[in-house]
C-alpha atoms as a PDB file:
ATOM      1  CA  MET A   1      -9.849  19.582  13.359  1.00  0.00           C
ATOM      2  CA  LYS A   2      -6.476  20.449  11.854  1.00  0.00           C
ATOM      3  CA  SER A   3      -6.461  22.828   8.885  1.00  0.00           C
ATOM      4  CA  TYR A   4      -4.092  22.678   5.940  1.00  0.00           C
ATOM      5  CA  SER A   5      -2.675  25.213   3.574  1.00  0.00           C
ATOM      6  CA  ILE A   6      -1.935  24.629  -0.091  1.00  0.00           C
ATOM      7  CA  GLU A   7       0.548  26.652  -2.106  1.00  0.00           C
ATOM      8  CA  PRO A   8      -0.306  27.162  -5.779  1.00  0.00           C
ATOM      9  CA  ILE A   9       2.299  25.793  -8.200  1.00  0.00           C
ATOM     10  CA  GLY A  10       1.163  27.943 -11.095  1.00  0.00           C
ATOM     11  CA  ILE A  11      -1.611  29.928 -12.694  1.00  0.00           C
ATOM     12  CA  ALA A  12      -3.931  29.251 -15.642  1.00  0.00           C
ATOM     13  CA  HIS A  13      -4.127  31.591 -18.609  1.00  0.00           C
ATOM     14  CA  THR A  14      -7.372  31.065 -20.509  1.00  0.00           C
ATOM     15  CA  PRO A  15      -9.730  33.039 -22.762  1.00  0.00           C
ATOM     16  CA  TYR A  16     -12.441  33.008 -20.067  1.00  0.00           C
ATOM     17  CA  LYS A  17     -12.500  36.047 -17.774  1.00  0.00           C
ATOM     18  CA  GLU A  18     -15.818  35.614 -15.933  1.00  0.00           C
ATOM     19  CA  ARG A  19     -17.956  32.846 -14.499  1.00  0.00           C
ATOM     20  CA  GLY A  20     -20.448  31.662 -17.064  1.00  0.00           C
ATOM     21  CA  GLN A  21     -17.997  32.051 -19.970  1.00  0.00           C
ATOM     22  CA  ALA A  22     -16.067  28.831 -19.319  1.00  0.00           C
ATOM     23  CA  PRO A  23     -17.546  25.434 -20.194  1.00  0.00           C
ATOM     24  CA  ARG A  24     -18.894  23.541 -17.166  1.00  0.00           C
ATOM     25  CA  GLN A  25     -16.535  20.605 -17.801  1.00  0.00           C
ATOM     26  CA  SER A  26     -13.325  20.158 -19.782  1.00  0.00           C
ATOM     27  CA  ILE A  27     -15.015  17.739 -22.191  1.00  0.00           C
ATOM     28  CA  TYR A  28     -17.229  20.630 -23.363  1.00  0.00           C
ATOM     29  CA  GLY A  29     -14.192  22.845 -23.991  1.00  0.00           C
ATOM     30  CA  LYS A  30     -12.259  20.487 -26.287  1.00  0.00           C
ATOM     31  CA  GLU A  31     -11.584  23.207 -28.844  1.00  0.00           C
ATOM     32  CA  GLY A  32     -10.571  25.837 -26.309  1.00  0.00           C
ATOM     33  CA  GLN A  33      -6.890  26.149 -25.484  1.00  0.00           C
ATOM     34  CA  GLY A  34      -5.065  27.554 -22.506  1.00  0.00           C
ATOM     35  CA  GLU A  35      -1.741  27.592 -20.739  1.00  0.00           C
ATOM     36  CA  ILE A  36      -0.531  26.880 -17.268  1.00  0.00           C
ATOM     37  CA  GLU A  37       2.356  29.038 -16.156  1.00  0.00           C
ATOM     38  CA  ILE A  38       4.373  27.082 -13.603  1.00  0.00           C
ATOM     39  CA  PHE A  39       6.033  29.236 -10.950  1.00  0.00           C
ATOM     40  CA  ASN A  40       9.839  29.212 -11.038  1.00  0.00           C
ATOM     41  CA  SER A  41      10.283  27.213  -7.826  1.00  0.00           C
ATOM     42  CA  PHE A  42       8.235  24.322  -9.313  1.00  0.00           C
ATOM     43  CA  ILE A  43       9.587  24.124 -12.904  1.00  0.00           C
ATOM     44  CA  GLU A  44      11.739  21.065 -12.196  1.00  0.00           C
ATOM     45  CA  GLY A  45       8.572  19.209 -11.189  1.00  0.00           C
ATOM     46  CA  ILE A  46       7.149  19.144 -14.726  1.00  0.00           C
ATOM     47  CA  GLN A  47      10.172  17.440 -16.270  1.00  0.00           C
ATOM     48  CA  GLY A  48       8.968  14.389 -18.242  1.00  0.00           C
ATOM     49  CA  LEU A  49       5.341  15.562 -18.389  1.00  0.00           C
ATOM     50  CA  GLU A  50       5.515  15.945 -22.190  1.00  0.00           C
ATOM     51  CA  LYS A  51       5.465  12.162 -22.675  1.00  0.00           C
ATOM     52  CA  TYR A  52       1.805  12.012 -21.626  1.00  0.00           C
ATOM     53  CA  GLU A  53      -1.183  12.701 -23.857  1.00  0.00           C
ATOM     54  CA  TYR A  54      -3.456  13.894 -21.038  1.00  0.00           C
ATOM     55  CA  ILE A  55      -2.904  15.488 -17.651  1.00  0.00           C
ATOM     56  CA  ILE A  56      -5.023  15.766 -14.523  1.00  0.00           C
ATOM     57  CA  VAL A  57      -5.031  19.307 -13.183  1.00  0.00           C
ATOM     58  CA  LEU A  58      -6.208  20.198  -9.693  1.00  0.00           C
ATOM     59  CA  PHE A  59      -7.087  23.831  -9.209  1.00  0.00           C
ATOM     60  CA  TYR A  60      -8.720  26.198  -6.776  1.00  0.00           C
ATOM     61  CA  PHE A  61     -12.127  27.739  -7.522  1.00  0.00           C
ATOM     62  CA  ASP A  62     -10.908  31.137  -6.333  1.00  0.00           C
ATOM     63  CA  ARG A  63     -14.040  33.042  -7.395  1.00  0.00           C
ATOM     64  CA  ILE A  64     -16.519  30.903  -5.502  1.00  0.00           C
ATOM     65  CA  SER A  65     -17.653  32.084  -2.093  1.00  0.00           C
ATOM     66  CA  GLY A  66     -19.359  29.767   0.316  1.00  0.00           C
ATOM     67  CA  TYR A  67     -20.654  26.308  -0.431  1.00  0.00           C
ATOM     68  CA  SER A  68     -23.688  24.105  -0.124  1.00  0.00           C
ATOM     69  CA  LEU A  69     -23.797  20.468   0.892  1.00  0.00           C
ATOM     70  CA  LYS A  70     -26.609  19.923  -1.637  1.00  0.00           C
ATOM     71  CA  ALA A  71     -26.517  20.703  -5.357  1.00  0.00           C
ATOM     72  CA  THR A  72     -28.728  20.125  -8.368  1.00  0.00           C
ATOM     73  CA  PRO A  73     -26.701  19.115 -11.447  1.00  0.00           C
ATOM     74  CA  PRO A  74     -27.521  20.889 -14.733  1.00  0.00           C
ATOM     75  CA  GLY A  75     -30.484  19.317 -16.504  1.00  0.00           C
ATOM     76  CA  GLU A  76     -31.698  17.562 -13.349  1.00  0.00           C
ATOM     77  CA  VAL A  77     -34.461  18.483 -10.921  1.00  0.00           C
ATOM     78  CA  ILE A  78     -33.472  16.502  -7.833  1.00  0.00           C
ATOM     79  CA  SER A  79     -30.650  17.755  -5.666  1.00  0.00           C
ATOM     80  CA  ARG A  80     -28.057  15.468  -4.135  1.00  0.00           C
ATOM     81  CA  GLY A  81     -25.072  15.715  -1.877  1.00  0.00           C
ATOM     82  CA  VAL A  82     -22.323  17.975  -3.246  1.00  0.00           C
ATOM     83  CA  PHE A  83     -19.849  15.070  -3.154  1.00  0.00           C
ATOM     84  CA  ALA A  84     -22.104  13.239  -5.624  1.00  0.00           C
ATOM     85  CA  THR A  85     -21.858  16.177  -8.057  1.00  0.00           C
ATOM     86  CA  ARG A  86     -19.203  18.216  -9.851  1.00  0.00           C
ATOM     87  CA  SER A  87     -20.446  21.512  -8.427  1.00  0.00           C
ATOM     88  CA  PRO A  88     -17.763  24.182  -7.891  1.00  0.00           C
ATOM     89  CA  ALA A  89     -19.457  25.337  -4.653  1.00  0.00           C
ATOM     90  CA  ARG A  90     -17.647  22.746  -2.514  1.00  0.00           C
ATOM     91  CA  PRO A  91     -16.290  23.021   1.028  1.00  0.00           C
ATOM     92  CA  ASN A  92     -12.658  23.205  -0.158  1.00  0.00           C
ATOM     93  CA  HIS A  93     -13.305  24.746  -3.613  1.00  0.00           C
ATOM     94  CA  ILE A  94     -11.023  22.230  -5.352  1.00  0.00           C
ATOM     95  CA  GLY A  95     -11.600  21.530  -9.041  1.00  0.00           C
ATOM     96  CA  LEU A  96     -10.284  18.768 -11.278  1.00  0.00           C
ATOM     97  CA  SER A  97      -9.908  18.704 -15.051  1.00  0.00           C
ATOM     98  CA  VAL A  98      -8.516  16.103 -17.422  1.00  0.00           C
ATOM     99  CA  LEU A  99      -6.839  18.100 -20.178  1.00  0.00           C
ATOM    100  CA  LYS A 100      -5.194  17.188 -23.474  1.00  0.00           C
ATOM    101  CA  LEU A 101      -1.539  18.125 -23.272  1.00  0.00           C
ATOM    102  CA  ILE A 102      -0.334  20.011 -26.342  1.00  0.00           C
ATOM    103  CA  LYS A 103       3.145  20.990 -25.198  1.00  0.00           C
ATOM    104  CA  ALA A 104       5.222  21.381 -22.043  1.00  0.00           C
ATOM    105  CA  GLU A 105       8.211  23.627 -22.539  1.00  0.00           C
ATOM    106  CA  GLY A 106      10.098  25.707 -20.014  1.00  0.00           C
ATOM    107  CA  ASN A 107       7.555  26.811 -17.438  1.00  0.00           C
ATOM    108  CA  ILE A 108       4.558  26.761 -19.818  1.00  0.00           C
ATOM    109  CA  ILE A 109       2.144  23.866 -20.282  1.00  0.00           C
ATOM    110  CA  LYS A 110      -0.191  24.291 -23.269  1.00  0.00           C
ATOM    111  CA  PHE A 111      -3.403  22.289 -23.250  1.00  0.00           C
ATOM    112  CA  SER A 112      -6.840  21.947 -24.802  1.00  0.00           C
ATOM    113  CA  GLY A 113     -10.092  21.240 -23.037  1.00  0.00           C
ATOM    114  CA  VAL A 114      -9.976  24.460 -21.080  1.00  0.00           C
ATOM    115  CA  ASP A 115     -12.724  24.901 -18.492  1.00  0.00           C
ATOM    116  CA  MET A 116     -10.996  27.243 -16.023  1.00  0.00           C
ATOM    117  CA  LEU A 117     -11.140  30.988 -15.693  1.00  0.00           C
ATOM    118  CA  ASP A 118      -8.138  33.118 -16.508  1.00  0.00           C
ATOM    119  CA  GLY A 119      -5.963  33.495 -13.423  1.00  0.00           C
ATOM    120  CA  THR A 120      -7.143  30.287 -11.738  1.00  0.00           C
ATOM    121  CA  PRO A 121      -4.572  29.035  -9.202  1.00  0.00           C
ATOM    122  CA  ILE A 122      -3.189  25.590 -10.099  1.00  0.00           C
ATOM    123  CA  ILE A 123      -2.508  23.394  -7.076  1.00  0.00           C
ATOM    124  CA  ASP A 124      -1.274  20.131  -8.639  1.00  0.00           C
ATOM    125  CA  ILE A 125      -0.712  18.310 -11.925  1.00  0.00           C
ATOM    126  CA  LYS A 126      -0.557  14.558 -12.449  1.00  0.00           C
ATOM    127  CA  PRO A 127      -0.189  12.506 -15.600  1.00  0.00           C
ATOM    128  CA  TYR A 128      -3.327  10.761 -16.797  1.00  0.00           C
ATOM    129  CA  VAL A 129      -2.508   7.074 -17.189  1.00  0.00           C
ATOM    130  CA  ARG A 130      -5.508   5.277 -18.684  1.00  0.00           C
ATOM    131  CA  GLU A 131      -4.597   1.909 -17.163  1.00  0.00           C
ATOM    132  CA  LEU A 132      -4.551   3.434 -13.701  1.00  0.00           C
ATOM    133  CA  GLU A 133      -7.543   5.776 -14.019  1.00  0.00           C
ATOM    134  CA  SER A 134     -10.283   3.434 -15.209  1.00  0.00           C
ATOM    135  CA  LYS A 135     -11.361  -0.080 -14.371  1.00  0.00           C
END
């Protein structure tokens, strides 16, 4: 099978330095704030982002090693397939957060709802458009 490589577009700056400090999901980190520093070669790509209230951020779980095809969600006793969970121990270690956009200026995006560790590589950002995201 063909493999792919992904180039980070930026890096997250958050108050959380180690696993276990960050909330498990962005909804549990509503009060926490962070920043995404967009790398210079990608700054033009965030033009117009400030008109959105929320953003979808795809990132790389860079401090996870290995994965399991089964996971037991917190508070549950029965495991299920990893693709039916939000476990970070996934085959491609890709995470997704919906974050409240505070400000996008220059190469810095400020947000609340932080659930990433400091230094997390950001691989993509998309605007959250309610009409398109939910049925």
